[in-house]
Amino acid sequence: METKRICALTMCRNDQFFLRRWVQYYGAELGRENLRIYLDGKDQETPAFCRGISVTAVDKIPGKVAELDRRRSSFLSDRAAELLASGYDLVIGTDTDEFLIPDPALGLSLSQFLSSSDIRVSASGLGVDVGQRIGEEGDISDDAPFLSQRKYARLSTRYTKACIIAKPVRWGSGFHRVKGHNYHILKDLYLFHFGYFDMARIKARFNDKSRIEGGWEKHLKKRSKNIMLCTQRKAWNWEGAVKFARIMETVFRPPYALNKPSLLELAVIARIPERFSKTV
């Protein structure tokens, strides 16, 4: 099997908690020399844990949540096109709290998995929005793998993102789709999202005045809903849940965006198998 050249890129602002984990994971899977990090604002310094990685601070992108996401996606689409033109076979674009993980049962690294996959324009992993089961799972610790501390997630179309590209394309906001192209969900590949997997962290972010003023308050309240669903709903068996979600997301599309997947607003909560516990 020929190994493909794969680069992962991200953009963040004041987010060392997730960026550190992003660097650790993608650096181990793809090689630190194949990471590109863009800091949103030249007032930020490169973290020490990014030594040896290409990190670029750019002028802060203006705007509130929706507008900011669009401008970031446009900027990163341009950077991805440059990377593909420079010789990379694939470019992965994610937020710092998102991790593409092949099923550990395959025994393949992310690089090996993607090198063996036929990706012509773009590809997605099945979206897994990790939550917290209140009363069973405590506050998250940065000293242990995330998935050793969290066992419940909502299978989510929001995180079934077209985040892997093989050709220069235009990402929609937040990598959720590729403009002008359909999406393809790779079997046994998952995009785990950890942005709102800890109630204590959500409450702490409510106290961040700059985020509230930037229009994030409603967004944060919405994301705490996932924790409530993971706490209150009975969890499906993983294999049955992902099979159901994959079929649904392949067949159904929202009427407002035919190149996005749909689960018809169903809340499918799944228990994450132990085999994922050391991945991130």
Protein backbone atom coordinates (compact mmCIF):
# COMPACT_ATOMS: atom_id res chain seq x y z
CA MET A 1 0.00 0.00 0.00
CA GLU A 2 1.38 3.38 -1.03
CA THR A 3 1.41 5.87 1.84
CA LYS A 4 -0.28 9.14 0.96
CA ARG A 5 1.08 12.51 1.98
CA ILE A 6 -1.47 13.89 4.42
CA CYS A 7 -1.56 17.27 6.15
CA ALA A 8 -3.87 18.40 8.95
CA LEU A 9 -4.68 22.05 9.55
CA THR A 10 -6.64 24.01 12.13
CA MET A 11 -7.27 27.55 13.30
CA CYS A 12 -7.90 28.69 16.84
CA ARG A 13 -7.76 31.57 19.28
CA ASN A 14 -6.83 31.29 22.97
CA ASP A 15 -7.44 27.56 23.05
CA GLN A 16 -4.42 25.75 24.42
CA PHE A 17 -6.50 23.08 26.19
CA PHE A 18 -7.75 21.45 22.99
CA LEU A 19 -4.84 22.57 20.79
CA ARG A 20 -2.40 20.62 22.96
CA ARG A 21 -4.46 17.44 22.49
CA TRP A 22 -4.87 18.16 18.76
CA VAL A 23 -1.10 18.45 18.35
CA GLN A 24 -0.49 15.26 20.32
CA TYR A 25 -3.01 13.23 18.34
CA TYR A 26 -2.42 14.41 14.78
CA GLY A 27 1.31 14.75 15.35
CA ALA A 28 1.50 11.08 16.35
CA GLU A 29 -0.80 9.96 13.52
CA LEU A 30 0.58 12.07 10.65
CA GLY A 31 3.92 13.49 11.82
CA ARG A 32 4.38 16.91 13.38
CA GLU A 33 5.95 18.19 10.15
CA ASN A 34 2.58 17.62 8.47
CA LEU A 35 0.60 19.91 10.76
CA ARG A 36 -0.37 23.51 10.03
CA ILE A 37 -1.74 25.72 12.80
CA TYR A 38 -3.10 29.22 12.27
CA LEU A 39 -3.58 31.48 15.28
CA ASP A 40 -6.47 33.90 14.89
CA GLY A 41 -4.76 37.12 15.96
CA LYS A 42 -1.17 38.32 15.99
CA ASP A 43 -1.50 39.07 19.70
CA GLN A 44 -1.05 35.35 20.43
CA GLU A 45 2.23 33.59 21.08
CA THR A 46 3.13 30.15 19.80
CA PRO A 47 2.70 27.63 22.63
CA ALA A 48 5.83 25.78 23.70
CA PHE A 49 4.23 22.42 22.89
CA CYS A 50 4.04 23.47 19.21
CA ARG A 51 7.82 23.53 18.82
CA GLY A 52 8.77 22.03 15.46
CA ILE A 53 5.32 22.63 13.95
CA SER A 54 4.39 25.24 11.36
CA VAL A 55 2.42 27.84 13.33
CA THR A 56 1.33 31.12 11.76
CA ALA A 57 -0.35 34.01 13.57
CA VAL A 58 -2.58 36.02 11.23
CA ASP A 59 -4.61 39.20 11.60
CA LYS A 60 -7.65 38.51 13.78
CA ILE A 61 -10.64 37.60 11.68
CA PRO A 62 -13.55 39.92 12.59
CA GLY A 63 -17.20 39.01 13.05
CA LYS A 64 -19.57 37.12 15.30
CA VAL A 65 -20.07 33.34 15.29
CA ALA A 66 -21.65 32.69 11.87
CA GLU A 67 -19.69 35.34 9.97
CA LEU A 68 -16.45 34.37 11.70
CA ASP A 69 -16.95 30.71 10.74
CA ARG A 70 -17.47 31.62 7.07
CA ARG A 71 -14.35 33.76 6.94
CA ARG A 72 -12.25 31.13 8.70
CA SER A 73 -13.47 28.45 6.29
CA SER A 74 -12.61 30.62 3.29
CA PHE A 75 -9.12 31.30 4.68
CA LEU A 76 -8.50 27.61 5.39
CA SER A 77 -9.85 26.54 1.99
CA ASP A 78 -7.18 28.75 0.41
CA ARG A 79 -4.46 27.25 2.62
CA ALA A 80 -5.62 23.71 1.83
CA ALA A 81 -5.49 24.43 -1.90
CA GLU A 82 -1.90 25.62 -1.50
CA LEU A 83 -0.97 22.45 0.39
CA LEU A 84 -2.52 20.21 -2.27
CA ALA A 85 -0.67 22.15 -4.97
CA SER A 86 2.58 21.66 -3.05
CA GLY A 87 2.31 17.87 -3.24
CA TYR A 88 0.02 16.67 -0.46
CA ASP A 89 -2.48 13.99 -1.49
CA LEU A 90 -5.00 14.81 1.24
CA VAL A 91 -5.68 17.71 3.59
CA ILE A 92 -7.68 17.33 6.81
CA GLY A 93 -9.39 20.41 8.23
CA THR A 94 -10.82 20.29 11.74
CA ASP A 95 -11.41 22.46 14.75
CA THR A 96 -9.04 21.82 17.64
CA ASP A 97 -11.68 19.84 19.52
CA GLU A 98 -12.29 17.37 16.65
CA PHE A 99 -10.43 14.12 16.05
CA LEU A 100 -10.70 11.73 13.11
CA ILE A 101 -10.35 8.22 14.51
CA PRO A 102 -10.45 4.92 12.58
CA ASP A 103 -12.06 2.09 14.50
CA PRO A 104 -9.25 0.64 16.68
CA ALA A 105 -10.51 -2.86 15.81
CA LEU A 106 -8.92 -2.37 12.37
CA GLY A 107 -5.44 -1.98 13.84
CA LEU A 108 -4.66 0.90 11.45
CA SER A 109 -3.27 4.36 12.09
CA LEU A 110 -5.14 7.32 10.63
CA SER A 111 -2.47 7.64 7.93
CA GLN A 112 -2.75 3.96 7.01
CA PHE A 113 -6.54 4.08 6.97
CA LEU A 114 -6.72 7.13 4.72
CA SER A 115 -3.95 5.82 2.46
CA SER A 116 -6.07 2.73 1.78
CA SER A 117 -9.24 4.76 1.14
CA ASP A 118 -10.45 5.89 -2.27
CA ILE A 119 -11.06 9.62 -1.77
CA ARG A 120 -11.67 11.49 -4.99
CA VAL A 121 -12.95 14.86 -3.79
CA SER A 122 -13.87 14.75 -0.10
CA ALA A 123 -14.71 12.32 2.68
CA SER A 124 -16.29 12.35 6.11
CA GLY A 125 -16.14 10.35 9.29
CA LEU A 126 -19.40 9.57 11.08
CA GLY A 127 -20.02 12.37 13.58
CA VAL A 128 -19.77 11.47 17.28
CA ASP A 129 -20.61 14.33 19.66
CA VAL A 130 -19.18 13.22 23.00
CA GLY A 131 -21.20 14.21 26.06
CA GLN A 132 -21.15 13.55 29.79
CA ARG A 133 -23.44 11.38 31.90
CA ILE A 134 -24.06 13.51 34.98
CA GLY A 135 -23.91 11.44 38.16
CA GLU A 136 -21.80 8.75 36.51
CA GLU A 137 -18.94 10.73 34.97
CA GLY A 138 -17.03 13.47 36.81
CA ASP A 139 -15.21 16.58 35.62
CA ILE A 140 -12.77 15.99 32.80
CA SER A 141 -9.08 15.66 33.64
CA ASP A 142 -6.36 16.68 31.21
CA ASP A 143 -4.07 14.00 32.67
CA ALA A 144 -5.79 11.02 31.03
CA PRO A 145 -7.23 10.20 27.58
CA PHE A 146 -10.60 11.88 27.04
CA LEU A 147 -12.29 8.64 26.00
CA SER A 148 -11.11 6.87 29.14
CA GLN A 149 -13.32 9.36 31.01
CA ARG A 150 -16.32 9.64 28.67
CA LYS A 151 -18.46 6.73 27.43
CA TYR A 152 -21.57 8.36 25.94
CA ALA A 153 -22.12 10.36 22.79
CA ARG A 154 -24.80 11.52 20.40
CA LEU A 155 -24.30 10.34 16.83
CA SER A 156 -24.53 13.69 15.13
CA THR A 157 -24.95 14.90 11.57
CA ARG A 158 -23.45 18.20 12.70
CA TYR A 159 -20.06 16.51 13.05
CA THR A 160 -20.32 14.28 9.99
CA LYS A 161 -18.15 16.84 8.26
CA ALA A 162 -16.54 16.85 4.82
CA CYS A 163 -13.23 17.53 6.53
CA ILE A 164 -10.95 15.40 4.31
CA ILE A 165 -10.28 16.75 0.83
CA ALA A 166 -8.26 15.46 -2.13
CA LYS A 167 -8.88 18.42 -4.45
CA PRO A 168 -8.99 22.20 -4.01
CA VAL A 169 -12.59 22.95 -2.99
CA ARG A 170 -14.46 25.48 -0.89
CA TRP A 171 -15.37 24.34 2.59
CA GLY A 172 -18.63 25.60 4.03
CA SER A 173 -18.62 27.10 7.52
CA GLY A 174 -16.92 24.87 10.07
CA PHE A 175 -15.97 22.21 7.44
CA HIS A 176 -19.59 20.98 7.51
CA ARG A 177 -19.77 20.55 3.74
CA VAL A 178 -17.89 21.04 0.50
CA LYS A 179 -19.62 23.49 -1.80
CA GLY A 180 -20.79 22.01 -5.09
CA HIS A 181 -20.04 18.39 -4.13
CA ASN A 182 -21.79 15.52 -2.40
CA TYR A 183 -20.41 13.90 0.74
CA HIS A 184 -19.15 10.37 1.35
CA ILE A 185 -19.01 8.81 4.83
CA LEU A 186 -16.11 6.38 5.13
CA LYS A 187 -16.95 3.11 6.85
CA ASP A 188 -15.17 2.63 10.21
CA LEU A 189 -14.03 6.27 10.41
CA TYR A 190 -15.41 8.62 13.07
CA LEU A 191 -15.10 12.32 13.80
CA PHE A 192 -15.18 12.67 17.59
CA HIS A 193 -16.14 16.13 18.83
CA PHE A 194 -15.22 17.08 22.41
CA GLY A 195 -16.13 20.76 22.51
CA TYR A 196 -19.02 20.36 24.95
CA PHE A 197 -18.28 17.14 26.83
CA ASP A 198 -17.87 18.61 30.29
CA MET A 199 -20.44 20.65 32.19
CA ALA A 200 -17.83 22.34 34.36
CA ARG A 201 -16.02 23.64 31.28
CA ILE A 202 -19.27 24.88 29.75
CA LYS A 203 -20.11 26.83 32.90
CA ALA A 204 -16.60 28.30 32.97
CA ARG A 205 -16.99 29.52 29.40
CA PHE A 206 -20.22 31.31 30.35
CA ASN A 207 -18.07 33.50 32.57
CA ASP A 208 -15.88 34.53 29.61
CA LYS A 209 -17.17 38.04 28.85
CA SER A 210 -15.48 38.27 25.44
CA ARG A 211 -17.27 35.13 24.22
CA ILE A 212 -20.65 36.32 25.49
CA GLU A 213 -20.18 39.69 23.78
CA GLY A 214 -19.19 37.84 20.58
CA GLY A 215 -22.54 36.10 20.38
CA TRP A 216 -21.55 32.76 21.90
CA GLU A 217 -23.97 32.68 24.84
CA LYS A 218 -26.87 31.14 22.90
CA HIS A 219 -24.49 28.68 21.25
CA LEU A 220 -23.09 27.52 24.59
CA LYS A 221 -26.56 26.99 26.04
CA LYS A 222 -27.50 24.94 23.01
CA ARG A 223 -24.43 22.71 23.34
CA SER A 224 -25.17 21.85 26.97
CA LYS A 225 -28.26 20.07 25.63
CA ASN A 226 -26.03 17.22 24.46
CA ILE A 227 -24.95 16.52 28.03
CA MET A 228 -28.58 16.38 29.12
CA LEU A 229 -29.40 13.91 26.35
CA CYS A 230 -26.43 11.71 27.25
CA THR A 231 -27.51 11.83 30.89
CA GLN A 232 -31.23 11.16 30.43
CA ARG A 233 -31.53 8.90 27.39
CA LYS A 234 -30.94 5.17 27.25
CA ALA A 235 -27.81 4.43 25.23
CA TRP A 236 -27.87 2.24 22.13
CA ASN A 237 -25.36 -0.52 21.49
CA TRP A 238 -22.52 1.05 19.49
CA GLU A 239 -22.58 -1.31 16.51
CA GLY A 240 -26.35 -1.05 16.08
CA ALA A 241 -26.34 2.72 16.54
CA VAL A 242 -23.59 3.47 14.02
CA LYS A 243 -25.13 1.13 11.43
CA PHE A 244 -28.48 2.88 11.82
CA ALA A 245 -26.94 6.37 11.74
CA ARG A 246 -24.79 5.61 8.70
CA ILE A 247 -27.80 4.38 6.70
CA MET A 248 -29.95 7.33 7.75
CA GLU A 249 -27.26 9.92 7.03
CA THR A 250 -26.57 8.41 3.62
CA VAL A 251 -30.22 8.32 2.54
CA PHE A 252 -31.73 11.47 4.07
CA ARG A 253 -30.78 15.09 3.35
CA PRO A 254 -32.10 18.30 4.88
CA PRO A 255 -34.15 20.25 2.29
CA TYR A 256 -32.06 23.40 2.83
CA ALA A 257 -28.71 21.66 2.05
CA LEU A 258 -28.76 18.56 -0.13
CA ASN A 259 -25.01 18.05 0.33
CA LYS A 260 -25.37 17.57 4.09
CA PRO A 261 -26.54 14.44 5.95
CA SER A 262 -29.71 14.19 8.04
CA LEU A 263 -30.89 12.01 10.93
CA LEU A 264 -34.39 13.53 10.81
CA GLU A 265 -33.78 15.22 14.18
CA LEU A 266 -33.46 11.86 15.95
CA ALA A 267 -31.32 11.86 19.12
CA VAL A 268 -29.30 8.65 18.87
CA ILE A 269 -27.23 8.21 22.04
CA ALA A 270 -24.60 5.46 21.90
CA ARG A 271 -22.22 3.94 24.42
CA ILE A 272 -18.64 4.24 23.16
CA PRO A 273 -16.79 0.89 23.23
CA GLU A 274 -13.80 0.38 25.50
CA ARG A 275 -11.51 -0.12 22.49
CA PHE A 276 -11.60 3.66 21.87
CA SER A 277 -10.54 4.55 25.42
CA LYS A 278 -6.86 5.24 24.69
CA THR A 279 -7.21 6.91 21.29
CA VAL A 280 -7.59 10.55 22.36
